[in-house]
Amino acid sequence: MTDSKNEAAWKLLFERHQILKAINESGYYKITSAEINAVREARLMTKFDHQSQLPQLFTAHNLSILPVTRRAYIISSFNAYHVFEPDDAPVYKIKFPHHIESLDFKNITSESTAVNCAFITGIIQDFVNDDALYATVNGRMGSSAFDFDIHCADGQSRTVAVKNAQIEIDAGYEGSHSLSLIEAKNYIAGNFLIRQLYYPFRLWHGQVTKQVRPLFLTYTNGIFHLREYVFEDPNVYNSLRLRRQKKYLIDEGAPPIRLSAILDVLHRTPIIAEPSIPFPQADSFERVINLCELLFEETLLTHQQITANYDFDRRQTNYYSDAGRYLGLIDKVREGGETLFYLTQRGSALFRLDIKARQLALAGYIFEHTAFRSAFFFYHKQAKMPSKEQLVEIMKMSDVYAIESESTFRRRASTIAHWIQWIIGLIEE
């Protein structure tokens, strides 16, 4: 969901230009930057990298917006987003070149640094498997002119004409046989705007004779996750298919995490009293870590910034920030009518550790809490995860804070199971 200023501005534009009426009559509505700027800056009003960021009016009517020139956009019931496929890619270790001093791979805080690191370590070379890669294109540029068909929520297919819309390529590498174009993110999301891959693909598909390969790179918590997509019909926006995916971790030379290391952390970690903070309802522990990473980079983020920029809806922002607070990694303060989130001293110290030390520290912070500790003990002794009913009983015996209904216990039990699975996934044996 987008911010309240965008919501109000789009509501005004929909009323002023009778946008819904036009879409019902002709299937689409074209709006200019000047018309949008009359209400609020178009740059802020049209950047929706994920479906959760769309204004309520768009969501309610299955609408999306795409640029068609540098000064115009088209609104229709486009199926403009693609849900990421299940994350089942194996993790491969790769060495960092020791002679490189100007890039600290233990402190990657931006997408551009993540791309640079992936290139100098040979991650991109390994994934692309092409000869002699050279960095050739990146930055903002015009899209050139092309038409494409796009499937819509109403079951129809519409043709869209694009002429010199602005695009941005995070990195492009050309080899002997292909040109790989990379879209990079330093946060975890559930879906992405296909345009980020499709417009650059169409631009260069018409300009080079080599294969153009759209790649999506996500970096978080030490993991470089590369996905290669292919557009099976270059003229159809929605024809993308995941071709392959692979994850990489820079090998720091530390010994692998064994079960014995996890058990050592468990036995060394003291139990603390449950904090007066909602018991976590945040199934993806990776996203808890990623939110902390974003705060480590930005120092302070408002509730609205998290919701608007990182594929969280308002409820998820509450759940995941509360999960970070529960573990003592995040805190919040109220200033100027806004809630500001920041890393605690514990949270800041965490991201100065190397990856394996960080993972073990996080396991320890989870083990400070009786319900999670008991669930892991159950898993270790029984060699299986407790059932949801057993997790609910564990929670009831753990004096968790402010849970009363059975349905709430069951929802929170899911988080325990997922966090324990995250700890188990650390074990390299």
Protein backbone atom coordinates (compact mmCIF):
# COMPACT_ATOMS: atom_id res chain seq x y z
CA MET A 1 0.00 0.00 0.00
CA THR A 2 1.32 3.41 -0.93
CA ASP A 3 1.59 6.40 1.42
CA SER A 4 -1.37 8.53 2.45
CA LYS A 5 -0.29 11.53 0.34
CA ASN A 6 -0.22 9.34 -2.77
CA GLU A 7 -3.58 7.85 -1.82
CA ALA A 8 -5.19 11.28 -1.54
CA ALA A 9 -3.53 12.54 -4.72
CA TRP A 10 -4.62 9.55 -6.80
CA LYS A 11 -8.16 9.81 -5.44
CA LEU A 12 -8.25 13.41 -6.62
CA LEU A 13 -6.86 12.49 -10.05
CA PHE A 14 -9.36 9.66 -10.49
CA GLU A 15 -12.19 12.06 -9.71
CA ARG A 16 -10.82 14.96 -11.76
CA HIS A 17 -10.20 12.91 -14.91
CA GLN A 18 -12.99 10.33 -14.50
CA ILE A 19 -10.35 7.62 -14.86
CA LEU A 20 -12.54 4.67 -13.90
CA LYS A 21 -15.24 5.75 -16.35
CA ALA A 22 -12.66 6.00 -19.15
CA ILE A 23 -11.23 2.57 -18.34
CA ASN A 24 -14.69 1.02 -18.27
CA GLU A 25 -15.42 2.51 -21.70
CA SER A 26 -12.13 2.00 -23.54
CA GLY A 27 -10.11 -0.37 -21.35
CA TYR A 28 -7.37 2.11 -20.43
CA TYR A 29 -6.59 5.71 -19.55
CA LYS A 30 -3.52 7.72 -20.55
CA ILE A 31 -2.34 10.35 -18.13
CA THR A 32 0.49 12.83 -18.56
CA SER A 33 3.22 13.78 -16.11
CA ALA A 34 1.91 17.36 -16.21
CA GLU A 35 -1.54 16.20 -15.09
CA ILE A 36 -0.01 14.18 -12.25
CA ASN A 37 2.38 16.99 -11.28
CA ALA A 38 -0.58 19.32 -10.88
CA VAL A 39 -1.47 17.28 -7.79
CA ARG A 40 1.83 15.76 -6.65
CA GLU A 41 5.23 15.01 -8.16
CA ALA A 42 4.85 12.27 -10.78
CA ARG A 43 8.09 10.59 -9.73
CA LEU A 44 6.60 9.88 -6.31
CA MET A 45 3.18 9.00 -7.69
CA THR A 46 4.19 6.31 -10.19
CA LYS A 47 6.96 4.25 -8.58
CA PHE A 48 5.33 0.97 -7.57
CA ASP A 49 7.99 -1.75 -7.73
CA HIS A 50 5.69 -4.23 -5.93
CA GLN A 51 1.95 -4.83 -5.88
CA SER A 52 1.72 -3.98 -2.19
CA GLN A 53 2.78 -0.41 -3.03
CA LEU A 54 -0.16 0.29 -5.34
CA PRO A 55 -2.75 2.83 -4.13
CA GLN A 56 -6.03 1.43 -2.83
CA LEU A 57 -7.95 2.63 -5.88
CA PHE A 58 -5.61 0.62 -8.12
CA THR A 59 -5.83 -2.49 -5.96
CA ALA A 60 -9.62 -2.32 -5.64
CA HIS A 61 -10.05 -2.22 -9.43
CA ASN A 62 -7.12 -4.51 -10.44
CA LEU A 63 -5.27 -1.63 -12.06
CA SER A 64 -1.59 -1.00 -12.74
CA ILE A 65 0.32 1.85 -14.37
CA LEU A 66 3.13 1.72 -16.93
CA PRO A 67 5.17 4.50 -18.58
CA VAL A 68 4.74 4.86 -22.34
CA THR A 69 6.88 7.99 -22.92
CA ARG A 70 9.02 10.21 -20.71
CA ARG A 71 5.94 12.31 -20.01
CA ALA A 72 2.99 9.91 -20.15
CA TYR A 73 1.63 6.77 -18.51
CA ILE A 74 -1.12 4.28 -19.22
CA ILE A 75 -3.47 2.86 -16.58
CA SER A 76 -5.35 -0.38 -17.15
CA SER A 77 -6.07 -3.76 -15.58
CA PHE A 78 -2.59 -4.96 -16.53
CA ASN A 79 -1.10 -8.07 -14.98
CA ALA A 80 2.07 -6.07 -14.51
CA TYR A 81 3.73 -8.02 -11.67
CA HIS A 82 5.33 -11.43 -11.33
CA VAL A 83 5.40 -13.48 -8.14
CA PHE A 84 8.83 -14.87 -7.30
CA GLU A 85 9.04 -18.63 -7.66
CA PRO A 86 9.68 -20.89 -4.62
CA ASP A 87 13.17 -20.34 -3.25
CA ASP A 88 14.73 -23.78 -3.57
CA ALA A 89 18.08 -22.79 -5.05
CA PRO A 90 21.20 -24.38 -3.54
CA VAL A 91 23.90 -22.15 -2.03
CA TYR A 92 27.41 -22.27 -3.51
CA LYS A 93 30.49 -20.88 -1.79
CA ILE A 94 32.85 -18.59 -3.64
CA LYS A 95 36.15 -16.95 -2.69
CA PHE A 96 36.73 -13.23 -2.40
CA PRO A 97 39.92 -11.97 -4.15
CA HIS A 98 42.29 -11.12 -1.32
CA HIS A 99 44.05 -8.33 -3.21
CA ILE A 100 40.87 -6.21 -3.29
CA GLU A 101 40.96 -3.64 -0.46
CA SER A 102 38.46 -0.98 -1.56
CA LEU A 103 35.36 -3.19 -1.22
CA ASP A 104 34.37 -4.71 2.12
CA PHE A 105 32.22 -7.73 1.35
CA LYS A 106 31.27 -7.97 5.04
CA ASN A 107 29.60 -4.58 4.86
CA ILE A 108 27.49 -4.43 1.70
CA THR A 109 24.89 -1.74 2.22
CA SER A 110 23.79 -0.83 -1.31
CA GLU A 111 22.62 -2.53 -4.47
CA SER A 112 25.50 -1.10 -6.53
CA THR A 113 28.06 -2.49 -4.07
CA ALA A 114 26.32 -5.88 -4.17
CA VAL A 115 26.56 -5.91 -7.99
CA ASN A 116 30.25 -4.91 -7.89
CA CYS A 117 30.98 -7.62 -5.34
CA ALA A 118 29.12 -10.23 -7.40
CA PHE A 119 31.21 -9.30 -10.42
CA ILE A 120 34.69 -9.20 -8.87
CA THR A 121 34.16 -12.51 -7.05
CA GLY A 122 33.17 -14.22 -10.30
CA ILE A 123 29.60 -14.88 -9.17
CA ILE A 124 28.11 -13.29 -12.28
CA GLN A 125 30.65 -15.02 -14.52
CA ASP A 126 29.81 -18.39 -12.98
CA PHE A 127 26.07 -17.86 -13.26
CA VAL A 128 26.09 -16.50 -16.81
CA ASN A 129 28.73 -18.99 -18.02
CA ASP A 130 29.82 -16.82 -20.94
CA ASP A 131 33.34 -15.97 -22.06
CA ALA A 132 35.14 -12.78 -21.01
CA LEU A 133 32.41 -10.64 -19.48
CA TYR A 134 32.76 -6.88 -19.78
CA ALA A 135 30.69 -4.20 -18.04
CA THR A 136 29.06 -2.31 -20.91
CA VAL A 137 25.71 -0.67 -20.05
CA ASN A 138 24.16 0.78 -16.92
CA GLY A 139 22.24 3.77 -15.66
CA ARG A 140 19.30 5.69 -17.07
CA MET A 141 18.51 5.72 -20.79
CA GLY A 142 15.63 5.87 -23.25
CA SER A 143 13.69 2.72 -24.03
CA SER A 144 13.51 3.30 -27.83
CA ALA A 145 10.16 2.61 -29.54
CA PHE A 146 8.35 -0.71 -29.45
CA ASP A 147 4.88 -2.22 -29.08
CA PHE A 148 3.95 -5.14 -26.86
CA ASP A 149 0.93 -7.16 -25.84
CA ILE A 150 0.08 -7.53 -22.16
CA HIS A 151 -2.44 -9.83 -20.46
CA CYS A 152 -4.96 -8.11 -18.21
CA ALA A 153 -6.98 -9.02 -15.14
CA ASP A 154 -10.21 -9.02 -17.18
CA GLY A 155 -8.89 -11.85 -19.35
CA GLN A 156 -8.21 -9.57 -22.31
CA SER A 157 -4.90 -8.78 -23.97
CA ARG A 158 -4.06 -5.18 -24.84
CA THR A 159 -1.42 -3.66 -27.07
CA VAL A 160 0.74 -0.91 -25.59
CA ALA A 161 3.00 1.40 -27.60
CA VAL A 162 6.14 2.69 -25.88
CA LYS A 163 8.27 5.52 -27.26
CA ASN A 164 11.44 6.60 -25.46
CA ALA A 165 10.22 5.95 -21.91
CA GLN A 166 12.93 6.26 -19.28
CA ILE A 167 14.47 3.01 -18.07
CA GLU A 168 17.27 2.20 -15.65
CA ILE A 169 19.67 -0.72 -15.82
CA ASP A 170 21.61 -1.51 -12.65
CA ALA A 171 24.33 -3.38 -14.57
CA GLY A 172 24.93 -4.92 -17.97
CA TYR A 173 27.65 -7.41 -18.87
CA GLU A 174 28.45 -8.53 -22.39
CA GLY A 175 30.27 -11.74 -23.21
CA SER A 176 31.03 -13.66 -26.37
CA HIS A 177 27.51 -14.98 -26.74
CA SER A 178 25.14 -12.87 -24.65
CA LEU A 179 24.31 -9.56 -22.99
CA SER A 180 23.14 -9.96 -19.39
CA LEU A 181 21.05 -7.12 -17.93
CA ILE A 182 20.73 -7.01 -14.15
CA GLU A 183 18.00 -5.63 -11.91
CA ALA A 184 19.34 -5.59 -8.33
CA LYS A 185 17.61 -5.28 -4.95
CA ASN A 186 19.03 -5.35 -1.43
CA TYR A 187 15.76 -6.41 0.15
CA ILE A 188 13.43 -9.40 0.02
CA ALA A 189 10.12 -9.11 -1.82
CA GLY A 190 7.32 -11.41 -2.83
CA ASN A 191 6.92 -10.07 -6.38
CA PHE A 192 8.41 -7.57 -8.80
CA LEU A 193 7.32 -5.25 -11.60
CA ILE A 194 7.99 -7.08 -14.86
CA ARG A 195 8.70 -3.74 -16.57
CA GLN A 196 12.04 -3.58 -14.72
CA LEU A 197 13.20 -6.53 -16.80
CA TYR A 198 11.03 -6.19 -19.89
CA TYR A 199 11.74 -2.62 -21.04
CA PRO A 200 15.56 -3.04 -20.88
CA PHE A 201 15.17 -6.43 -22.58
CA ARG A 202 13.17 -4.93 -25.47
CA LEU A 203 15.60 -2.02 -25.87
CA TRP A 204 18.66 -4.22 -26.26
CA HIS A 205 16.89 -7.14 -27.97
CA GLY A 206 16.47 -4.78 -30.91
CA GLN A 207 20.04 -3.46 -30.87
CA VAL A 208 22.35 -6.46 -30.46
CA THR A 209 22.51 -9.76 -32.31
CA LYS A 210 23.47 -11.71 -29.19
CA GLN A 211 21.05 -13.28 -26.74
CA VAL A 212 19.76 -10.75 -24.19
CA ARG A 213 19.44 -12.32 -20.74
CA PRO A 214 17.37 -10.59 -18.04
CA LEU A 215 18.77 -11.32 -14.55
CA PHE A 216 17.36 -10.46 -11.13
CA LEU A 217 19.89 -10.19 -8.29
CA THR A 218 18.84 -10.05 -4.65
CA TYR A 219 21.43 -9.53 -1.92
CA THR A 220 20.63 -9.96 1.77
CA ASN A 221 22.34 -11.46 4.82
CA GLY A 222 25.44 -12.50 2.87
CA ILE A 223 23.50 -14.34 0.15
CA PHE A 224 23.65 -13.36 -3.52
CA HIS A 225 20.54 -14.81 -5.18
CA LEU A 226 20.55 -14.73 -8.98
CA ARG A 227 17.54 -15.58 -11.12
CA GLU A 228 17.55 -15.71 -14.92
CA TYR A 229 14.29 -15.10 -16.75
CA VAL A 230 13.43 -15.61 -20.39
CA PHE A 231 10.64 -13.92 -22.36
CA GLU A 232 9.28 -16.79 -24.42
CA ASP A 233 7.57 -14.34 -26.78
CA PRO A 234 9.58 -11.10 -26.96
CA ASN A 235 6.43 -9.21 -27.95
CA VAL A 236 4.43 -10.32 -24.90
CA TYR A 237 5.11 -8.57 -21.59
CA ASN A 238 3.82 -11.45 -19.43
CA SER A 239 5.62 -14.24 -21.25
CA LEU A 240 8.52 -14.40 -18.82
CA ARG A 241 9.53 -17.72 -17.32
CA LEU A 242 12.18 -18.51 -14.73
CA ARG A 243 14.97 -20.31 -16.53
CA ARG A 244 17.26 -20.97 -13.57
CA GLN A 245 18.29 -19.66 -10.16
CA LYS A 246 21.34 -20.04 -7.96
CA LYS A 247 22.60 -18.64 -4.65
CA TYR A 248 26.12 -17.76 -3.62
CA LEU A 249 27.84 -17.13 -0.31
CA ILE A 250 31.34 -15.69 0.01
CA ASP A 251 33.52 -18.23 1.82
CA GLU A 252 35.24 -16.43 4.68
CA GLY A 253 37.33 -19.47 5.63
CA ALA A 254 35.48 -19.99 8.91
CA PRO A 255 34.57 -23.56 9.86
CA PRO A 256 31.06 -24.65 8.86
CA ILE A 257 28.21 -24.36 11.37
CA ARG A 258 27.59 -27.78 12.88
CA LEU A 259 24.81 -28.95 15.14
CA SER A 260 27.31 -28.89 18.00
CA ALA A 261 27.79 -25.12 17.48
CA ILE A 262 24.02 -24.54 17.63
CA LEU A 263 23.75 -26.64 20.80
CA ASP A 264 26.67 -24.74 22.34
CA VAL A 265 24.84 -21.46 21.69
CA LEU A 266 21.66 -22.94 23.13
CA HIS A 267 23.34 -24.03 26.38
CA ARG A 268 25.29 -20.77 26.77
CA THR A 269 22.28 -18.52 26.23
CA PRO A 270 20.38 -17.45 29.36
CA ILE A 271 16.60 -17.26 29.32
CA ILE A 272 15.14 -13.77 29.69
CA ALA A 273 11.73 -12.61 30.85
CA GLU A 274 9.27 -12.17 28.03
CA PRO A 275 9.20 -8.52 26.90
CA SER A 276 5.97 -6.51 26.87
CA ILE A 277 5.99 -6.65 23.08
CA PRO A 278 3.59 -8.66 20.91
CA PHE A 279 4.80 -12.23 20.45
CA PRO A 280 6.16 -12.47 16.88
CA GLN A 281 3.88 -13.07 13.94
CA ALA A 282 6.56 -12.88 11.26
CA ASP A 283 7.06 -16.21 9.54
CA SER A 284 10.01 -15.17 7.35
CA PHE A 285 13.01 -14.80 9.64
CA GLU A 286 15.00 -13.75 6.58
CA ARG A 287 12.76 -10.69 6.30
CA VAL A 288 13.33 -9.85 9.98
CA ILE A 289 17.07 -9.86 9.25
CA ASN A 290 16.57 -7.88 6.06
CA LEU A 291 14.60 -5.16 7.87
CA CYS A 292 17.50 -4.86 10.31
CA GLU A 293 19.92 -4.61 7.36
CA LEU A 294 17.90 -1.77 5.89
CA LEU A 295 17.97 0.06 9.23
CA PHE A 296 21.72 -0.53 9.47
CA GLU A 297 22.06 1.23 6.11
CA GLU A 298 19.51 4.02 6.65
CA THR A 299 19.85 4.57 10.46
CA LEU A 300 16.23 5.74 10.79
CA LEU A 301 13.14 4.68 8.85
CA THR A 302 9.58 5.79 9.41
CA HIS A 303 6.73 3.31 9.48
CA GLN A 304 5.59 4.82 6.19
CA GLN A 305 9.01 4.50 4.52
CA ILE A 306 9.18 0.80 5.35
CA THR A 307 5.67 0.25 4.06
CA ALA A 308 6.12 2.31 0.89
CA ASN A 309 9.60 1.22 -0.20
CA TYR A 310 10.24 -2.38 0.79
CA ASP A 311 7.21 -4.51 -0.17
CA PHE A 312 5.67 -4.51 3.31
CA ASP A 313 2.01 -3.67 3.80
CA ARG A 314 1.11 -1.72 6.93
CA ARG A 315 0.30 -4.83 8.94
CA GLN A 316 3.56 -6.53 7.93
CA THR A 317 5.53 -3.43 8.91
CA ASN A 318 4.02 -3.75 12.38
CA TYR A 319 4.64 -7.50 12.58
CA TYR A 320 8.26 -7.44 11.38
CA SER A 321 9.31 -4.35 13.30
CA ASP A 322 7.75 -5.88 16.43
CA ALA A 323 9.67 -9.10 15.76
CA GLY A 324 12.91 -7.09 15.66
CA ARG A 325 11.93 -5.34 18.88
CA TYR A 326 11.10 -8.69 20.49
CA LEU A 327 14.68 -9.84 19.81
CA GLY A 328 16.17 -6.58 21.09
CA LEU A 329 17.46 -5.58 17.65
CA ILE A 330 15.07 -2.73 16.82
CA ASP A 331 13.50 0.05 18.84
CA LYS A 332 11.15 2.88 17.96
CA VAL A 333 10.52 6.46 18.96
CA ARG A 334 7.72 8.90 18.24
CA GLU A 335 8.86 12.22 16.76
CA GLY A 336 6.93 14.90 14.89
CA GLY A 337 3.83 12.73 14.72
CA GLU A 338 5.70 9.84 13.06
CA THR A 339 7.00 6.53 14.35
CA LEU A 340 10.73 6.13 13.68
CA PHE A 341 12.49 2.77 13.81
CA TYR A 342 16.19 2.31 14.47
CA LEU A 343 18.67 -0.40 15.41
CA THR A 344 19.55 -0.84 19.05
CA GLN A 345 23.15 -1.15 20.17
CA ARG A 346 22.70 -4.93 19.92
CA GLY A 347 21.32 -4.60 16.40
CA SER A 348 24.13 -2.34 15.21
CA ALA A 349 26.80 -4.61 16.70
CA LEU A 350 25.24 -7.62 14.98
CA PHE A 351 26.00 -6.29 11.50
CA ARG A 352 29.64 -5.72 12.28
CA LEU A 353 30.11 -9.47 12.73
CA ASP A 354 31.07 -11.82 9.93
CA ILE A 355 28.20 -13.83 8.50
CA LYS A 356 28.61 -17.04 10.50
CA ALA A 357 29.13 -15.24 13.78
CA ARG A 358 26.05 -13.16 12.95
CA GLN A 359 23.92 -16.26 12.30
CA LEU A 360 24.97 -17.85 15.60
CA ALA A 361 24.29 -14.60 17.45
CA LEU A 362 20.80 -14.47 15.94
CA ALA A 363 20.17 -18.06 17.00
CA GLY A 364 21.19 -17.05 20.51
CA TYR A 365 18.76 -14.12 20.54
CA ILE A 366 15.97 -16.51 19.55
CA PHE A 367 17.01 -19.00 22.25
CA GLU A 368 16.66 -16.32 24.92
CA HIS A 369 12.91 -16.91 24.69
CA THR A 370 11.42 -19.96 26.38
CA ALA A 371 8.90 -20.90 23.68
CA PHE A 372 11.51 -20.99 20.92
CA ARG A 373 14.03 -22.72 23.14
CA SER A 374 11.55 -25.43 24.11
CA ALA A 375 10.52 -25.95 20.50
CA PHE A 376 14.15 -26.47 19.48
CA PHE A 377 14.71 -28.91 22.36
CA PHE A 378 11.69 -30.85 21.12
CA TYR A 379 13.08 -30.92 17.60
CA HIS A 380 16.53 -32.02 18.79
CA LYS A 381 15.15 -34.86 20.93
CA GLN A 382 12.39 -36.06 18.62
CA ALA A 383 14.14 -35.36 15.30
CA LYS A 384 10.99 -33.67 14.05
CA MET A 385 9.22 -30.35 14.37
CA PRO A 386 6.50 -30.10 17.03
CA SER A 387 2.97 -30.11 15.62
CA LYS A 388 0.97 -26.89 15.70
CA GLU A 389 -0.98 -28.24 18.67
CA GLN A 390 2.25 -29.04 20.52
CA LEU A 391 3.63 -25.57 19.72
CA VAL A 392 0.48 -24.00 21.13
CA GLU A 393 0.95 -25.96 24.37
CA ILE A 394 4.61 -24.87 24.51
CA MET A 395 3.53 -21.26 24.16
CA LYS A 396 0.89 -21.57 26.85
CA MET A 397 3.51 -22.91 29.27
CA SER A 398 6.00 -20.15 28.33
CA ASP A 399 4.11 -17.15 29.72
CA VAL A 400 4.06 -15.33 26.38
CA TYR A 401 2.80 -11.78 26.36
CA ALA A 402 -0.82 -10.79 25.67
CA ILE A 403 -2.11 -13.78 23.67
CA GLU A 404 -5.60 -14.82 24.61
CA SER A 405 -7.48 -16.44 21.73
CA GLU A 406 -6.77 -19.93 20.42
CA SER A 407 -6.60 -18.64 16.84
CA THR A 408 -3.89 -16.15 17.80
CA PHE A 409 -1.90 -18.89 19.52
CA ARG A 410 -2.06 -20.95 16.32
CA ARG A 411 -0.92 -18.06 14.11
CA ARG A 412 2.02 -17.35 16.40
CA ALA A 413 2.88 -21.06 16.49
CA SER A 414 3.58 -20.84 12.75
CA THR A 415 6.27 -18.24 13.44
CA ILE A 416 7.97 -20.51 16.00
CA ALA A 417 8.08 -23.33 13.45
CA HIS A 418 9.54 -21.10 10.74
CA TRP A 419 12.19 -19.57 13.00
CA ILE A 420 13.29 -22.99 14.23
CA GLN A 421 13.48 -24.15 10.62
CA TRP A 422 15.72 -21.14 9.92
CA ILE A 423 18.08 -22.20 12.70
CA ILE A 424 18.09 -25.79 11.45
CA GLY A 425 18.90 -24.50 7.96
CA LEU A 426 22.14 -23.01 9.29
CA ILE A 427 23.57 -26.46 9.99
CA GLU A 428 26.04 -27.54 7.30
CA GLU A 429 26.09 -31.27 7.79
